[in-house]
Amino acid sequence: MLDNVLRIATRQSPLALWQAHYVKDKLMASHPGLVVELVPMVTRGDVILDTPLAKVGGKGLFVKELEVALLENRADIAVHSMKDVPVEFPQGLGLVTICEREDPRDAFVSNNYDSLDAL
């Protein structure tokens, strides 16, 4: 981290950017004077769209480039969806915090049914 600048590596998907902005806002609110910059990145998982993930490297495809950015000091932290977090981390990296969970229920949208019970 350079002085009071914190760089957050994130994927460029709308969800990843929302999550990174959420973390950025929380950090800036709790650390006045901290400058937080997002470092959006394209991962192999974002590019390989025509092959099942299990055949080309699994969910690690969504985090490898972010891990490399951390190891090469191009970012200070990375923000991921938990579904993309690997079980094992490269040496020097790890899971250090988990944000408070929001409402875990998903939305149900259907043109044919009014509720899950109606399925």
PDB file of N, CA and C in Angstrom:
ATOM      1  N   MET A   1       0.855  -1.181   0.000  1.00  0.00           N
ATOM      2  CA  MET A   1       0.000   0.000   0.000  1.00  0.00           C
ATOM      3  C   MET A   1       0.895   1.236   0.000  1.00  0.00           C
ATOM      4  N   LEU A   2       0.583   2.156  -0.858  1.00  0.00           N
ATOM      5  CA  LEU A   2       1.337   3.404  -0.955  1.00  0.00           C
ATOM      6  C   LEU A   2       0.716   4.448  -0.038  1.00  0.00           C
ATOM      7  N   ASP A   3       1.444   4.847   0.993  1.00  0.00           N
ATOM      8  CA  ASP A   3       0.969   5.852   1.951  1.00  0.00           C
ATOM      9  C   ASP A   3      -0.469   5.578   2.366  1.00  0.00           C
ATOM     10  N   ASN A   4      -1.396   6.436   1.910  1.00  0.00           N
ATOM     11  CA  ASN A   4      -2.791   6.270   2.318  1.00  0.00           C
ATOM     12  C   ASN A   4      -3.658   5.778   1.156  1.00  0.00           C
ATOM     13  N   VAL A   5      -3.041   5.112   0.163  1.00  0.00           N
ATOM     14  CA  VAL A   5      -3.778   4.600  -0.993  1.00  0.00           C
ATOM     15  C   VAL A   5      -3.881   3.083  -0.888  1.00  0.00           C
ATOM     16  N   LEU A   6      -5.092   2.567  -1.002  1.00  0.00           N
ATOM     17  CA  LEU A   6      -5.345   1.128  -0.985  1.00  0.00           C
ATOM     18  C   LEU A   6      -5.945   0.741  -2.331  1.00  0.00           C
ATOM     19  N   ARG A   7      -5.319  -0.231  -3.003  1.00  0.00           N
ATOM     20  CA  ARG A   7      -5.781  -0.668  -4.324  1.00  0.00           C
ATOM     21  C   ARG A   7      -6.514  -1.996  -4.193  1.00  0.00           C
ATOM     22  N   ILE A   8      -7.753  -2.027  -4.689  1.00  0.00           N
ATOM     23  CA  ILE A   8      -8.587  -3.226  -4.614  1.00  0.00           C
ATOM     24  C   ILE A   8      -8.682  -3.865  -5.991  1.00  0.00           C
ATOM     25  N   ALA A   9      -8.168  -5.081  -6.122  1.00  0.00           N
ATOM     26  CA  ALA A   9      -8.324  -5.846  -7.359  1.00  0.00           C
ATOM     27  C   ALA A   9      -9.731  -6.440  -7.387  1.00  0.00           C
ATOM     28  N   THR A  10     -10.370  -6.360  -8.541  1.00  0.00           N
ATOM     29  CA  THR A  10     -11.721  -6.886  -8.695  1.00  0.00           C
ATOM     30  C   THR A  10     -11.953  -7.279 -10.144  1.00  0.00           C
ATOM     31  N   ARG A  11     -12.858  -8.203 -10.337  1.00  0.00           N
ATOM     32  CA  ARG A  11     -13.283  -8.506 -11.706  1.00  0.00           C
ATOM     33  C   ARG A  11     -14.120  -7.342 -12.217  1.00  0.00           C
ATOM     34  N   GLN A  12     -14.348  -7.314 -13.533  1.00  0.00           N
ATOM     35  CA  GLN A  12     -15.101  -6.220 -14.140  1.00  0.00           C
ATOM     36  C   GLN A  12     -16.593  -6.503 -14.266  1.00  0.00           C
ATOM     37  N   SER A  13     -17.058  -7.638 -13.780  1.00  0.00           N
ATOM     38  CA  SER A  13     -18.488  -7.939 -13.885  1.00  0.00           C
ATOM     39  C   SER A  13     -19.275  -6.955 -13.015  1.00  0.00           C
ATOM     40  N   PRO A  14     -20.535  -6.709 -13.361  1.00  0.00           N
ATOM     41  CA  PRO A  14     -21.343  -5.784 -12.543  1.00  0.00           C
ATOM     42  C   PRO A  14     -21.403  -6.192 -11.069  1.00  0.00           C
ATOM     43  N   LEU A  15     -21.559  -7.488 -10.785  1.00  0.00           N
ATOM     44  CA  LEU A  15     -21.614  -7.937  -9.391  1.00  0.00           C
ATOM     45  C   LEU A  15     -20.283  -7.686  -8.685  1.00  0.00           C
ATOM     46  N   ALA A  16     -19.188  -8.045  -9.322  1.00  0.00           N
ATOM     47  CA  ALA A  16     -17.871  -7.851  -8.701  1.00  0.00           C
ATOM     48  C   ALA A  16     -17.592  -6.376  -8.441  1.00  0.00           C
ATOM     49  N   LEU A  17     -17.944  -5.532  -9.394  1.00  0.00           N
ATOM     50  CA  LEU A  17     -17.736  -4.089  -9.201  1.00  0.00           C
ATOM     51  C   LEU A  17     -18.610  -3.554  -8.075  1.00  0.00           C
ATOM     52  N   TRP A  18     -19.846  -4.036  -7.974  1.00  0.00           N
ATOM     53  CA  TRP A  18     -20.715  -3.607  -6.871  1.00  0.00           C
ATOM     54  C   TRP A  18     -20.085  -3.999  -5.539  1.00  0.00           C
ATOM     55  N   GLN A  19     -19.612  -5.247  -5.446  1.00  0.00           N
ATOM     56  CA  GLN A  19     -19.003  -5.724  -4.205  1.00  0.00           C
ATOM     57  C   GLN A  19     -17.748  -4.916  -3.861  1.00  0.00           C
ATOM     58  N   ALA A  20     -16.936  -4.623  -4.848  1.00  0.00           N
ATOM     59  CA  ALA A  20     -15.716  -3.845  -4.602  1.00  0.00           C
ATOM     60  C   ALA A  20     -16.051  -2.425  -4.158  1.00  0.00           C
ATOM     61  N   HIS A  21     -17.060  -1.822  -4.772  1.00  0.00           N
ATOM     62  CA  HIS A  21     -17.484  -0.478  -4.344  1.00  0.00           C
ATOM     63  C   HIS A  21     -18.035  -0.516  -2.918  1.00  0.00           C
ATOM     64  N   TYR A  22     -18.749  -1.572  -2.575  1.00  0.00           N
ATOM     65  CA  TYR A  22     -19.278  -1.740  -1.217  1.00  0.00           C
ATOM     66  C   TYR A  22     -18.120  -1.747  -0.210  1.00  0.00           C
ATOM     67  N   VAL A  23     -17.104  -2.553  -0.484  1.00  0.00           N
ATOM     68  CA  VAL A  23     -15.939  -2.627   0.410  1.00  0.00           C
ATOM     69  C   VAL A  23     -15.213  -1.286   0.441  1.00  0.00           C
ATOM     70  N   LYS A  24     -15.054  -0.667  -0.716  1.00  0.00           N
ATOM     71  CA  LYS A  24     -14.409   0.650  -0.792  1.00  0.00           C
ATOM     72  C   LYS A  24     -15.133   1.655   0.096  1.00  0.00           C
ATOM     73  N   ASP A  25     -16.452   1.728  -0.019  1.00  0.00           N
ATOM     74  CA  ASP A  25     -17.233   2.677   0.780  1.00  0.00           C
ATOM     75  C   ASP A  25     -17.093   2.401   2.271  1.00  0.00           C
ATOM     76  N   LYS A  26     -17.129   1.121   2.665  1.00  0.00           N
ATOM     77  CA  LYS A  26     -16.979   0.762   4.083  1.00  0.00           C
ATOM     78  C   LYS A  26     -15.593   1.160   4.601  1.00  0.00           C
ATOM     79  N   LEU A  27     -14.562   0.892   3.813  1.00  0.00           N
ATOM     80  CA  LEU A  27     -13.201   1.245   4.234  1.00  0.00           C
ATOM     81  C   LEU A  27     -13.026   2.749   4.367  1.00  0.00           C
ATOM     82  N   MET A  28     -13.538   3.501   3.395  1.00  0.00           N
ATOM     83  CA  MET A  28     -13.389   4.956   3.436  1.00  0.00           C
ATOM     84  C   MET A  28     -14.184   5.558   4.591  1.00  0.00           C
ATOM     85  N   ALA A  29     -15.331   4.969   4.921  1.00  0.00           N
ATOM     86  CA  ALA A  29     -16.134   5.475   6.034  1.00  0.00           C
ATOM     87  C   ALA A  29     -15.443   5.225   7.374  1.00  0.00           C
ATOM     88  N   SER A  30     -14.744   4.107   7.494  1.00  0.00           N
ATOM     89  CA  SER A  30     -14.106   3.786   8.773  1.00  0.00           C
ATOM     90  C   SER A  30     -12.660   4.275   8.868  1.00  0.00           C
ATOM     91  N   HIS A  31     -12.096   4.734   7.748  1.00  0.00           N
ATOM     92  CA  HIS A  31     -10.718   5.236   7.739  1.00  0.00           C
ATOM     93  C   HIS A  31     -10.653   6.550   6.973  1.00  0.00           C
ATOM     94  N   PRO A  32     -11.078   7.650   7.611  1.00  0.00           N
ATOM     95  CA  PRO A  32     -11.032   8.950   6.933  1.00  0.00           C
ATOM     96  C   PRO A  32      -9.614   9.252   6.439  1.00  0.00           C
ATOM     97  N   GLY A  33      -9.538   9.791   5.253  1.00  0.00           N
ATOM     98  CA  GLY A  33      -8.242  10.105   4.669  1.00  0.00           C
ATOM     99  C   GLY A  33      -7.677   8.991   3.807  1.00  0.00           C
ATOM    100  N   LEU A  34      -8.245   7.806   3.909  1.00  0.00           N
ATOM    101  CA  LEU A  34      -7.800   6.698   3.072  1.00  0.00           C
ATOM    102  C   LEU A  34      -8.319   6.892   1.653  1.00  0.00           C
ATOM    103  N   VAL A  35      -7.453   6.732   0.694  1.00  0.00           N
ATOM    104  CA  VAL A  35      -7.840   6.794  -0.717  1.00  0.00           C
ATOM    105  C   VAL A  35      -7.912   5.355  -1.213  1.00  0.00           C
ATOM    106  N   VAL A  36      -9.062   4.967  -1.733  1.00  0.00           N
ATOM    107  CA  VAL A  36      -9.248   3.598  -2.214  1.00  0.00           C
ATOM    108  C   VAL A  36      -9.469   3.632  -3.717  1.00  0.00           C
ATOM    109  N   GLU A  37      -8.656   2.864  -4.426  1.00  0.00           N
ATOM    110  CA  GLU A  37      -8.757   2.786  -5.880  1.00  0.00           C
ATOM    111  C   GLU A  37      -9.139   1.368  -6.282  1.00  0.00           C
ATOM    112  N   LEU A  38     -10.049   1.254  -7.230  1.00  0.00           N
ATOM    113  CA  LEU A  38     -10.389  -0.058  -7.765  1.00  0.00           C
ATOM    114  C   LEU A  38      -9.459  -0.375  -8.929  1.00  0.00           C
ATOM    115  N   VAL A  39      -9.069  -1.635  -9.002  1.00  0.00           N
ATOM    116  CA  VAL A  39      -8.234  -2.126 -10.097  1.00  0.00           C
ATOM    117  C   VAL A  39      -9.035  -3.219 -10.809  1.00  0.00           C
ATOM    118  N   PRO A  40      -9.930  -2.825 -11.724  1.00  0.00           N
ATOM    119  CA  PRO A  40     -10.753  -3.816 -12.430  1.00  0.00           C
ATOM    120  C   PRO A  40      -9.903  -4.659 -13.379  1.00  0.00           C
ATOM    121  N   MET A  41     -10.206  -5.958 -13.423  1.00  0.00           N
ATOM    122  CA  MET A  41      -9.433  -6.879 -14.250  1.00  0.00           C
ATOM    123  C   MET A  41     -10.354  -7.855 -14.972  1.00  0.00           C
ATOM    124  N   VAL A  42      -9.892  -8.325 -16.112  1.00  0.00           N
ATOM    125  CA  VAL A  42     -10.572  -9.393 -16.839  1.00  0.00           C
ATOM    126  C   VAL A  42      -9.845 -10.689 -16.496  1.00  0.00           C
ATOM    127  N   THR A  43     -10.595 -11.711 -16.105  1.00  0.00           N
ATOM    128  CA  THR A  43     -10.001 -12.998 -15.763  1.00  0.00           C
ATOM    129  C   THR A  43     -10.272 -14.004 -16.878  1.00  0.00           C
ATOM    130  N   ARG A  44      -9.549 -15.122 -16.844  1.00  0.00           N
ATOM    131  CA  ARG A  44      -9.796 -16.179 -17.839  1.00  0.00           C
ATOM    132  C   ARG A  44     -11.235 -16.656 -17.765  1.00  0.00           C
ATOM    133  N   GLY A  45     -11.794 -16.694 -16.569  1.00  0.00           N
ATOM    134  CA  GLY A  45     -13.184 -17.113 -16.421  1.00  0.00           C
ATOM    135  C   GLY A  45     -14.155 -16.172 -17.111  1.00  0.00           C
ATOM    136  N   ASP A  46     -13.772 -14.913 -17.233  1.00  0.00           N
ATOM    137  CA  ASP A  46     -14.614 -13.941 -17.934  1.00  0.00           C
ATOM    138  C   ASP A  46     -14.521 -14.111 -19.446  1.00  0.00           C
ATOM    139  N   VAL A  47     -13.413 -14.662 -19.913  1.00  0.00           N
ATOM    140  CA  VAL A  47     -13.148 -14.770 -21.350  1.00  0.00           C
ATOM    141  C   VAL A  47     -13.618 -16.108 -21.918  1.00  0.00           C
ATOM    142  N   ILE A  48     -13.412 -17.183 -21.165  1.00  0.00           N
ATOM    143  CA  ILE A  48     -13.780 -18.518 -21.644  1.00  0.00           C
ATOM    144  C   ILE A  48     -15.261 -18.737 -21.362  1.00  0.00           C
ATOM    145  N   LEU A  49     -16.073 -18.568 -22.365  1.00  0.00           N
ATOM    146  CA  LEU A  49     -17.519 -18.659 -22.185  1.00  0.00           C
ATOM    147  C   LEU A  49     -18.132 -19.869 -22.878  1.00  0.00           C
ATOM    148  N   ASP A  50     -17.355 -20.582 -23.674  1.00  0.00           N
ATOM    149  CA  ASP A  50     -17.911 -21.669 -24.474  1.00  0.00           C
ATOM    150  C   ASP A  50     -17.491 -23.056 -24.003  1.00  0.00           C
ATOM    151  N   THR A  51     -16.828 -23.134 -22.841  1.00  0.00           N
ATOM    152  CA  THR A  51     -16.341 -24.404 -22.322  1.00  0.00           C
ATOM    153  C   THR A  51     -16.722 -24.517 -20.848  1.00  0.00           C
ATOM    154  N   PRO A  52     -17.206 -25.694 -20.422  1.00  0.00           N
ATOM    155  CA  PRO A  52     -17.504 -25.864 -18.996  1.00  0.00           C
ATOM    156  C   PRO A  52     -16.266 -25.580 -18.144  1.00  0.00           C
ATOM    157  N   LEU A  53     -16.457 -24.850 -17.059  1.00  0.00           N
ATOM    158  CA  LEU A  53     -15.330 -24.454 -16.204  1.00  0.00           C
ATOM    159  C   LEU A  53     -14.528 -25.643 -15.697  1.00  0.00           C
ATOM    160  N   ALA A  54     -15.207 -26.747 -15.386  1.00  0.00           N
ATOM    161  CA  ALA A  54     -14.513 -27.919 -14.856  1.00  0.00           C
ATOM    162  C   ALA A  54     -13.472 -28.451 -15.838  1.00  0.00           C
ATOM    163  N   LYS A  55     -13.675 -28.222 -17.123  1.00  0.00           N
ATOM    164  CA  LYS A  55     -12.738 -28.720 -18.133  1.00  0.00           C
ATOM    165  C   LYS A  55     -11.511 -27.824 -18.305  1.00  0.00           C
ATOM    166  N   VAL A  56     -11.584 -26.592 -17.845  1.00  0.00           N
ATOM    167  CA  VAL A  56     -10.484 -25.652 -18.093  1.00  0.00           C
ATOM    168  C   VAL A  56      -9.882 -25.041 -16.830  1.00  0.00           C
ATOM    169  N   GLY A  57     -10.217 -25.559 -15.670  1.00  0.00           N
ATOM    170  CA  GLY A  57      -9.561 -25.039 -14.476  1.00  0.00           C
ATOM    171  C   GLY A  57     -10.468 -24.720 -13.312  1.00  0.00           C
ATOM    172  N   GLY A  58     -11.761 -24.918 -13.459  1.00  0.00           N
ATOM    173  CA  GLY A  58     -12.680 -24.692 -12.350  1.00  0.00           C
ATOM    174  C   GLY A  58     -12.824 -23.235 -11.971  1.00  0.00           C
ATOM    175  N   LYS A  59     -13.344 -23.010 -10.760  1.00  0.00           N
ATOM    176  CA  LYS A  59     -13.655 -21.642 -10.355  1.00  0.00           C
ATOM    177  C   LYS A  59     -12.415 -20.780 -10.135  1.00  0.00           C
ATOM    178  N   GLY A  60     -11.242 -21.389 -10.041  1.00  0.00           N
ATOM    179  CA  GLY A  60     -10.012 -20.618  -9.913  1.00  0.00           C
ATOM    180  C   GLY A  60      -9.760 -19.698 -11.097  1.00  0.00           C
ATOM    181  N   LEU A  61     -10.454 -19.968 -12.200  1.00  0.00           N
ATOM    182  CA  LEU A  61     -10.311 -19.116 -13.385  1.00  0.00           C
ATOM    183  C   LEU A  61     -10.778 -17.692 -13.124  1.00  0.00           C
ATOM    184  N   PHE A  62     -11.608 -17.503 -12.110  1.00  0.00           N
ATOM    185  CA  PHE A  62     -12.138 -16.173 -11.817  1.00  0.00           C
ATOM    186  C   PHE A  62     -11.269 -15.386 -10.839  1.00  0.00           C
ATOM    187  N   VAL A  63     -10.240 -16.019 -10.287  1.00  0.00           N
ATOM    188  CA  VAL A  63      -9.430 -15.323  -9.286  1.00  0.00           C
ATOM    189  C   VAL A  63      -7.933 -15.295  -9.588  1.00  0.00           C
ATOM    190  N   LYS A  64      -7.468 -16.118 -10.490  1.00  0.00           N
ATOM    191  CA  LYS A  64      -6.023 -16.243 -10.739  1.00  0.00           C
ATOM    192  C   LYS A  64      -5.372 -14.900 -11.054  1.00  0.00           C
ATOM    193  N   GLU A  65      -5.952 -14.129 -11.973  1.00  0.00           N
ATOM    194  CA  GLU A  65      -5.354 -12.846 -12.348  1.00  0.00           C
ATOM    195  C   GLU A  65      -5.316 -11.879 -11.165  1.00  0.00           C
ATOM    196  N   LEU A  66      -6.338 -11.939 -10.304  1.00  0.00           N
ATOM    197  CA  LEU A  66      -6.360 -11.076  -9.128  1.00  0.00           C
ATOM    198  C   LEU A  66      -5.272 -11.492  -8.141  1.00  0.00           C
ATOM    199  N   GLU A  67      -5.077 -12.811  -7.988  1.00  0.00           N
ATOM    200  CA  GLU A  67      -4.013 -13.295  -7.110  1.00  0.00           C
ATOM    201  C   GLU A  67      -2.640 -12.854  -7.627  1.00  0.00           C
ATOM    202  N   VAL A  68      -2.437 -12.936  -8.929  1.00  0.00           N
ATOM    203  CA  VAL A  68      -1.160 -12.505  -9.513  1.00  0.00           C
ATOM    204  C   VAL A  68      -0.950 -11.012  -9.269  1.00  0.00           C
ATOM    205  N   ALA A  69      -2.004 -10.219  -9.417  1.00  0.00           N
ATOM    206  CA  ALA A  69      -1.893  -8.773  -9.162  1.00  0.00           C
ATOM    207  C   ALA A  69      -1.473  -8.510  -7.716  1.00  0.00           C
ATOM    208  N   LEU A  70      -2.001  -9.280  -6.773  1.00  0.00           N
ATOM    209  CA  LEU A  70      -1.600  -9.130  -5.372  1.00  0.00           C
ATOM    210  C   LEU A  70      -0.131  -9.507  -5.186  1.00  0.00           C
ATOM    211  N   LEU A  71       0.251 -10.634  -5.742  1.00  0.00           N
ATOM    212  CA  LEU A  71       1.625 -11.112  -5.578  1.00  0.00           C
ATOM    213  C   LEU A  71       2.641 -10.208  -6.265  1.00  0.00           C
ATOM    214  N   GLU A  72       2.224  -9.541  -7.340  1.00  0.00           N
ATOM    215  CA  GLU A  72       3.117  -8.616  -8.055  1.00  0.00           C
ATOM    216  C   GLU A  72       3.002  -7.181  -7.543  1.00  0.00           C
ATOM    217  N   ASN A  73       2.272  -6.992  -6.437  1.00  0.00           N
ATOM    218  CA  ASN A  73       2.110  -5.684  -5.805  1.00  0.00           C
ATOM    219  C   ASN A  73       1.422  -4.653  -6.710  1.00  0.00           C
ATOM    220  N   ARG A  74       0.542  -5.111  -7.598  1.00  0.00           N
ATOM    221  CA  ARG A  74      -0.265  -4.193  -8.407  1.00  0.00           C
ATOM    222  C   ARG A  74      -1.595  -3.910  -7.726  1.00  0.00           C
ATOM    223  N   ALA A  75      -1.873  -4.646  -6.638  1.00  0.00           N
ATOM    224  CA  ALA A  75      -3.069  -4.432  -5.823  1.00  0.00           C
ATOM    225  C   ALA A  75      -2.709  -4.793  -4.388  1.00  0.00           C
ATOM    226  N   ASP A  76      -3.450  -4.208  -3.448  1.00  0.00           N
ATOM    227  CA  ASP A  76      -3.190  -4.461  -2.030  1.00  0.00           C
ATOM    228  C   ASP A  76      -4.136  -5.503  -1.449  1.00  0.00           C
ATOM    229  N   ILE A  77      -5.370  -5.510  -1.930  1.00  0.00           N
ATOM    230  CA  ILE A  77      -6.357  -6.503  -1.522  1.00  0.00           C
ATOM    231  C   ILE A  77      -7.177  -6.868  -2.759  1.00  0.00           C
ATOM    232  N   ALA A  78      -7.944  -7.948  -2.646  1.00  0.00           N
ATOM    233  CA  ALA A  78      -8.870  -8.333  -3.711  1.00  0.00           C
ATOM    234  C   ALA A  78     -10.221  -8.624  -3.074  1.00  0.00           C
ATOM    235  N   VAL A  79     -11.271  -8.346  -3.811  1.00  0.00           N
ATOM    236  CA  VAL A  79     -12.631  -8.627  -3.350  1.00  0.00           C
ATOM    237  C   VAL A  79     -13.222  -9.672  -4.291  1.00  0.00           C
ATOM    238  N   HIS A  80     -13.734 -10.760  -3.698  1.00  0.00           N
ATOM    239  CA  HIS A  80     -14.321 -11.860  -4.468  1.00  0.00           C
ATOM    240  C   HIS A  80     -15.699 -12.194  -3.923  1.00  0.00           C
ATOM    241  N   SER A  81     -16.519 -12.814  -4.749  1.00  0.00           N
ATOM    242  CA  SER A  81     -17.704 -13.518  -4.262  1.00  0.00           C
ATOM    243  C   SER A  81     -17.196 -14.788  -3.588  1.00  0.00           C
ATOM    244  N   MET A  82     -17.812 -15.185  -2.488  1.00  0.00           N
ATOM    245  CA  MET A  82     -17.357 -16.395  -1.801  1.00  0.00           C
ATOM    246  C   MET A  82     -17.424 -17.612  -2.714  1.00  0.00           C
ATOM    247  N   LYS A  83     -18.356 -17.617  -3.652  1.00  0.00           N
ATOM    248  CA  LYS A  83     -18.469 -18.759  -4.560  1.00  0.00           C
ATOM    249  C   LYS A  83     -17.223 -18.917  -5.426  1.00  0.00           C
ATOM    250  N   ASP A  84     -16.439 -17.864  -5.586  1.00  0.00           N
ATOM    251  CA  ASP A  84     -15.230 -17.913  -6.409  1.00  0.00           C
ATOM    252  C   ASP A  84     -13.949 -18.094  -5.604  1.00  0.00           C
ATOM    253  N   VAL A  85     -14.043 -18.071  -4.289  1.00  0.00           N
ATOM    254  CA  VAL A  85     -12.846 -18.160  -3.451  1.00  0.00           C
ATOM    255  C   VAL A  85     -12.350 -19.605  -3.433  1.00  0.00           C
ATOM    256  N   PRO A  86     -11.074 -19.820  -3.737  1.00  0.00           N
ATOM    257  CA  PRO A  86     -10.544 -21.185  -3.746  1.00  0.00           C
ATOM    258  C   PRO A  86     -10.386 -21.742  -2.332  1.00  0.00           C
ATOM    259  N   VAL A  87     -10.297 -23.050  -2.246  1.00  0.00           N
ATOM    260  CA  VAL A  87     -10.089 -23.710  -0.957  1.00  0.00           C
ATOM    261  C   VAL A  87      -8.652 -23.493  -0.492  1.00  0.00           C
ATOM    262  N   GLU A  88      -7.720 -23.507  -1.429  1.00  0.00           N
ATOM    263  CA  GLU A  88      -6.310 -23.289  -1.112  1.00  0.00           C
ATOM    264  C   GLU A  88      -5.834 -22.009  -1.789  1.00  0.00           C
ATOM    265  N   PHE A  89      -4.924 -21.318  -1.126  1.00  0.00           N
ATOM    266  CA  PHE A  89      -4.403 -20.051  -1.633  1.00  0.00           C
ATOM    267  C   PHE A  89      -2.922 -20.183  -1.975  1.00  0.00           C
ATOM    268  N   PRO A  90      -2.450 -19.375  -2.913  1.00  0.00           N
ATOM    269  CA  PRO A  90      -1.005 -19.342  -3.160  1.00  0.00           C
ATOM    270  C   PRO A  90      -0.276 -18.866  -1.899  1.00  0.00           C
ATOM    271  N   GLN A  91       0.964 -19.267  -1.748  1.00  0.00           N
ATOM    272  CA  GLN A  91       1.752 -18.842  -0.593  1.00  0.00           C
ATOM    273  C   GLN A  91       1.779 -17.322  -0.529  1.00  0.00           C
ATOM    274  N   GLY A  92       1.511 -16.787   0.656  1.00  0.00           N
ATOM    275  CA  GLY A  92       1.506 -15.344   0.859  1.00  0.00           C
ATOM    276  C   GLY A  92       0.130 -14.718   0.785  1.00  0.00           C
ATOM    277  N   LEU A  93      -0.867 -15.488   0.336  1.00  0.00           N
ATOM    278  CA  LEU A  93      -2.234 -14.967   0.243  1.00  0.00           C
ATOM    279  C   LEU A  93      -3.156 -15.779   1.134  1.00  0.00           C
ATOM    280  N   GLY A  94      -4.272 -15.179   1.522  1.00  0.00           N
ATOM    281  CA  GLY A  94      -5.247 -15.889   2.334  1.00  0.00           C
ATOM    282  C   GLY A  94      -6.527 -15.099   2.462  1.00  0.00           C
ATOM    283  N   LEU A  95      -7.503 -15.716   3.063  1.00  0.00           N
ATOM    284  CA  LEU A  95      -8.785 -15.073   3.331  1.00  0.00           C
ATOM    285  C   LEU A  95      -8.668 -14.370   4.675  1.00  0.00           C
ATOM    286  N   VAL A  96      -8.798 -13.044   4.682  1.00  0.00           N
ATOM    287  CA  VAL A  96      -8.575 -12.309   5.927  1.00  0.00           C
ATOM    288  C   VAL A  96      -9.839 -11.701   6.508  1.00  0.00           C
ATOM    289  N   THR A  97     -10.880 -11.563   5.717  1.00  0.00           N
ATOM    290  CA  THR A  97     -12.129 -11.035   6.257  1.00  0.00           C
ATOM    291  C   THR A  97     -13.291 -11.444   5.366  1.00  0.00           C
ATOM    292  N   ILE A  98     -14.450 -11.496   5.973  1.00  0.00           N
ATOM    293  CA  ILE A  98     -15.690 -11.772   5.247  1.00  0.00           C
ATOM    294  C   ILE A  98     -16.668 -10.676   5.636  1.00  0.00           C
ATOM    295  N   CYS A  99     -17.259 -10.037   4.651  1.00  0.00           N
ATOM    296  CA  CYS A  99     -18.224  -8.969   4.929  1.00  0.00           C
ATOM    297  C   CYS A  99     -19.478  -9.544   5.577  1.00  0.00           C
ATOM    298  N   GLU A 100     -20.154  -8.699   6.329  1.00  0.00           N
ATOM    299  CA  GLU A 100     -21.411  -9.103   6.934  1.00  0.00           C
ATOM    300  C   GLU A 100     -22.375  -9.539   5.837  1.00  0.00           C
ATOM    301  N   ARG A 101     -23.032 -10.649   6.083  1.00  0.00           N
ATOM    302  CA  ARG A 101     -23.943 -11.191   5.081  1.00  0.00           C
ATOM    303  C   ARG A 101     -25.257 -10.418   5.087  1.00  0.00           C
ATOM    304  N   GLU A 102     -25.716 -10.104   3.901  1.00  0.00           N
ATOM    305  CA  GLU A 102     -27.032  -9.486   3.750  1.00  0.00           C
ATOM    306  C   GLU A 102     -28.077 -10.597   3.735  1.00  0.00           C
ATOM    307  N   ASP A 103     -29.302 -10.263   3.452  1.00  0.00           N
ATOM    308  CA  ASP A 103     -30.381 -11.241   3.376  1.00  0.00           C
ATOM    309  C   ASP A 103     -30.004 -12.330   2.366  1.00  0.00           C
ATOM    310  N   PRO A 104     -29.926 -13.592   2.808  1.00  0.00           N
ATOM    311  CA  PRO A 104     -29.466 -14.656   1.915  1.00  0.00           C
ATOM    312  C   PRO A 104     -30.514 -15.152   0.922  1.00  0.00           C
ATOM    313  N   ARG A 105     -31.740 -14.686   1.045  1.00  0.00           N
ATOM    314  CA  ARG A 105     -32.786 -15.177   0.141  1.00  0.00           C
ATOM    315  C   ARG A 105     -32.647 -14.540  -1.233  1.00  0.00           C
ATOM    316  N   ASP A 106     -32.794 -15.362  -2.240  1.00  0.00           N
ATOM    317  CA  ASP A 106     -32.773 -14.875  -3.614  1.00  0.00           C
ATOM    318  C   ASP A 106     -34.169 -14.446  -4.016  1.00  0.00           C
ATOM    319  N   ALA A 107     -34.243 -13.723  -5.085  1.00  0.00           N
ATOM    320  CA  ALA A 107     -35.535 -13.298  -5.621  1.00  0.00           C
ATOM    321  C   ALA A 107     -36.081 -14.387  -6.535  1.00  0.00           C
ATOM    322  N   PHE A 108     -37.384 -14.509  -6.572  1.00  0.00           N
ATOM    323  CA  PHE A 108     -38.044 -15.436  -7.490  1.00  0.00           C
ATOM    324  C   PHE A 108     -38.772 -14.612  -8.532  1.00  0.00           C
ATOM    325  N   VAL A 109     -38.465 -14.847  -9.793  1.00  0.00           N
ATOM    326  CA  VAL A 109     -39.104 -14.127 -10.886  1.00  0.00           C
ATOM    327  C   VAL A 109     -39.592 -15.154 -11.891  1.00  0.00           C
ATOM    328  N   SER A 110     -40.865 -15.063 -12.247  1.00  0.00           N
ATOM    329  CA  SER A 110     -41.424 -16.015 -13.202  1.00  0.00           C
ATOM    330  C   SER A 110     -42.561 -15.382 -13.972  1.00  0.00           C
ATOM    331  N   ASN A 111     -42.656 -15.728 -15.242  1.00  0.00           N
ATOM    332  CA  ASN A 111     -43.807 -15.314 -16.049  1.00  0.00           C
ATOM    333  C   ASN A 111     -44.985 -16.255 -15.859  1.00  0.00           C
ATOM    334  N   ASN A 112     -44.719 -17.451 -15.323  1.00  0.00           N
ATOM    335  CA  ASN A 112     -45.757 -18.483 -15.259  1.00  0.00           C
ATOM    336  C   ASN A 112     -46.273 -18.788 -13.862  1.00  0.00           C
ATOM    337  N   TYR A 113     -45.525 -18.445 -12.825  1.00  0.00           N
ATOM    338  CA  TYR A 113     -45.916 -18.811 -11.465  1.00  0.00           C
ATOM    339  C   TYR A 113     -45.836 -17.596 -10.554  1.00  0.00           C
ATOM    340  N   ASP A 114     -46.756 -17.545  -9.589  1.00  0.00           N
ATOM    341  CA  ASP A 114     -46.785 -16.426  -8.655  1.00  0.00           C
ATOM    342  C   ASP A 114     -45.886 -16.641  -7.439  1.00  0.00           C
ATOM    343  N   SER A 115     -45.502 -17.894  -7.175  1.00  0.00           N
ATOM    344  CA  SER A 115     -44.690 -18.190  -5.998  1.00  0.00           C
ATOM    345  C   SER A 115     -43.957 -19.510  -6.202  1.00  0.00           C
ATOM    346  N   LEU A 116     -43.029 -19.805  -5.282  1.00  0.00           N
ATOM    347  CA  LEU A 116     -42.352 -21.098  -5.331  1.00  0.00           C
ATOM    348  C   LEU A 116     -43.332 -22.230  -5.087  1.00  0.00           C
ATOM    349  N   ASP A 117     -44.302 -21.996  -4.201  1.00  0.00           N
ATOM    350  CA  ASP A 117     -45.296 -23.027  -3.904  1.00  0.00           C
ATOM    351  C   ASP A 117     -46.138 -23.376  -5.125  1.00  0.00           C
ATOM    352  N   ALA A 118     -46.280 -22.443  -6.047  1.00  0.00           N
ATOM    353  CA  ALA A 118     -47.107 -22.674  -7.234  1.00  0.00           C
ATOM    354  C   ALA A 118     -46.378 -23.481  -8.317  1.00  0.00           C
ATOM    355  N   LEU A 119     -45.094 -23.731  -8.116  1.00  0.00           N
ATOM    356  CA  LEU A 119     -44.344 -24.488  -9.131  1.00  0.00           C
ATOM    357  C   LEU A 119     -44.880 -25.881  -9.323  1.00  0.00           C
TER     358      LEU A 119
END
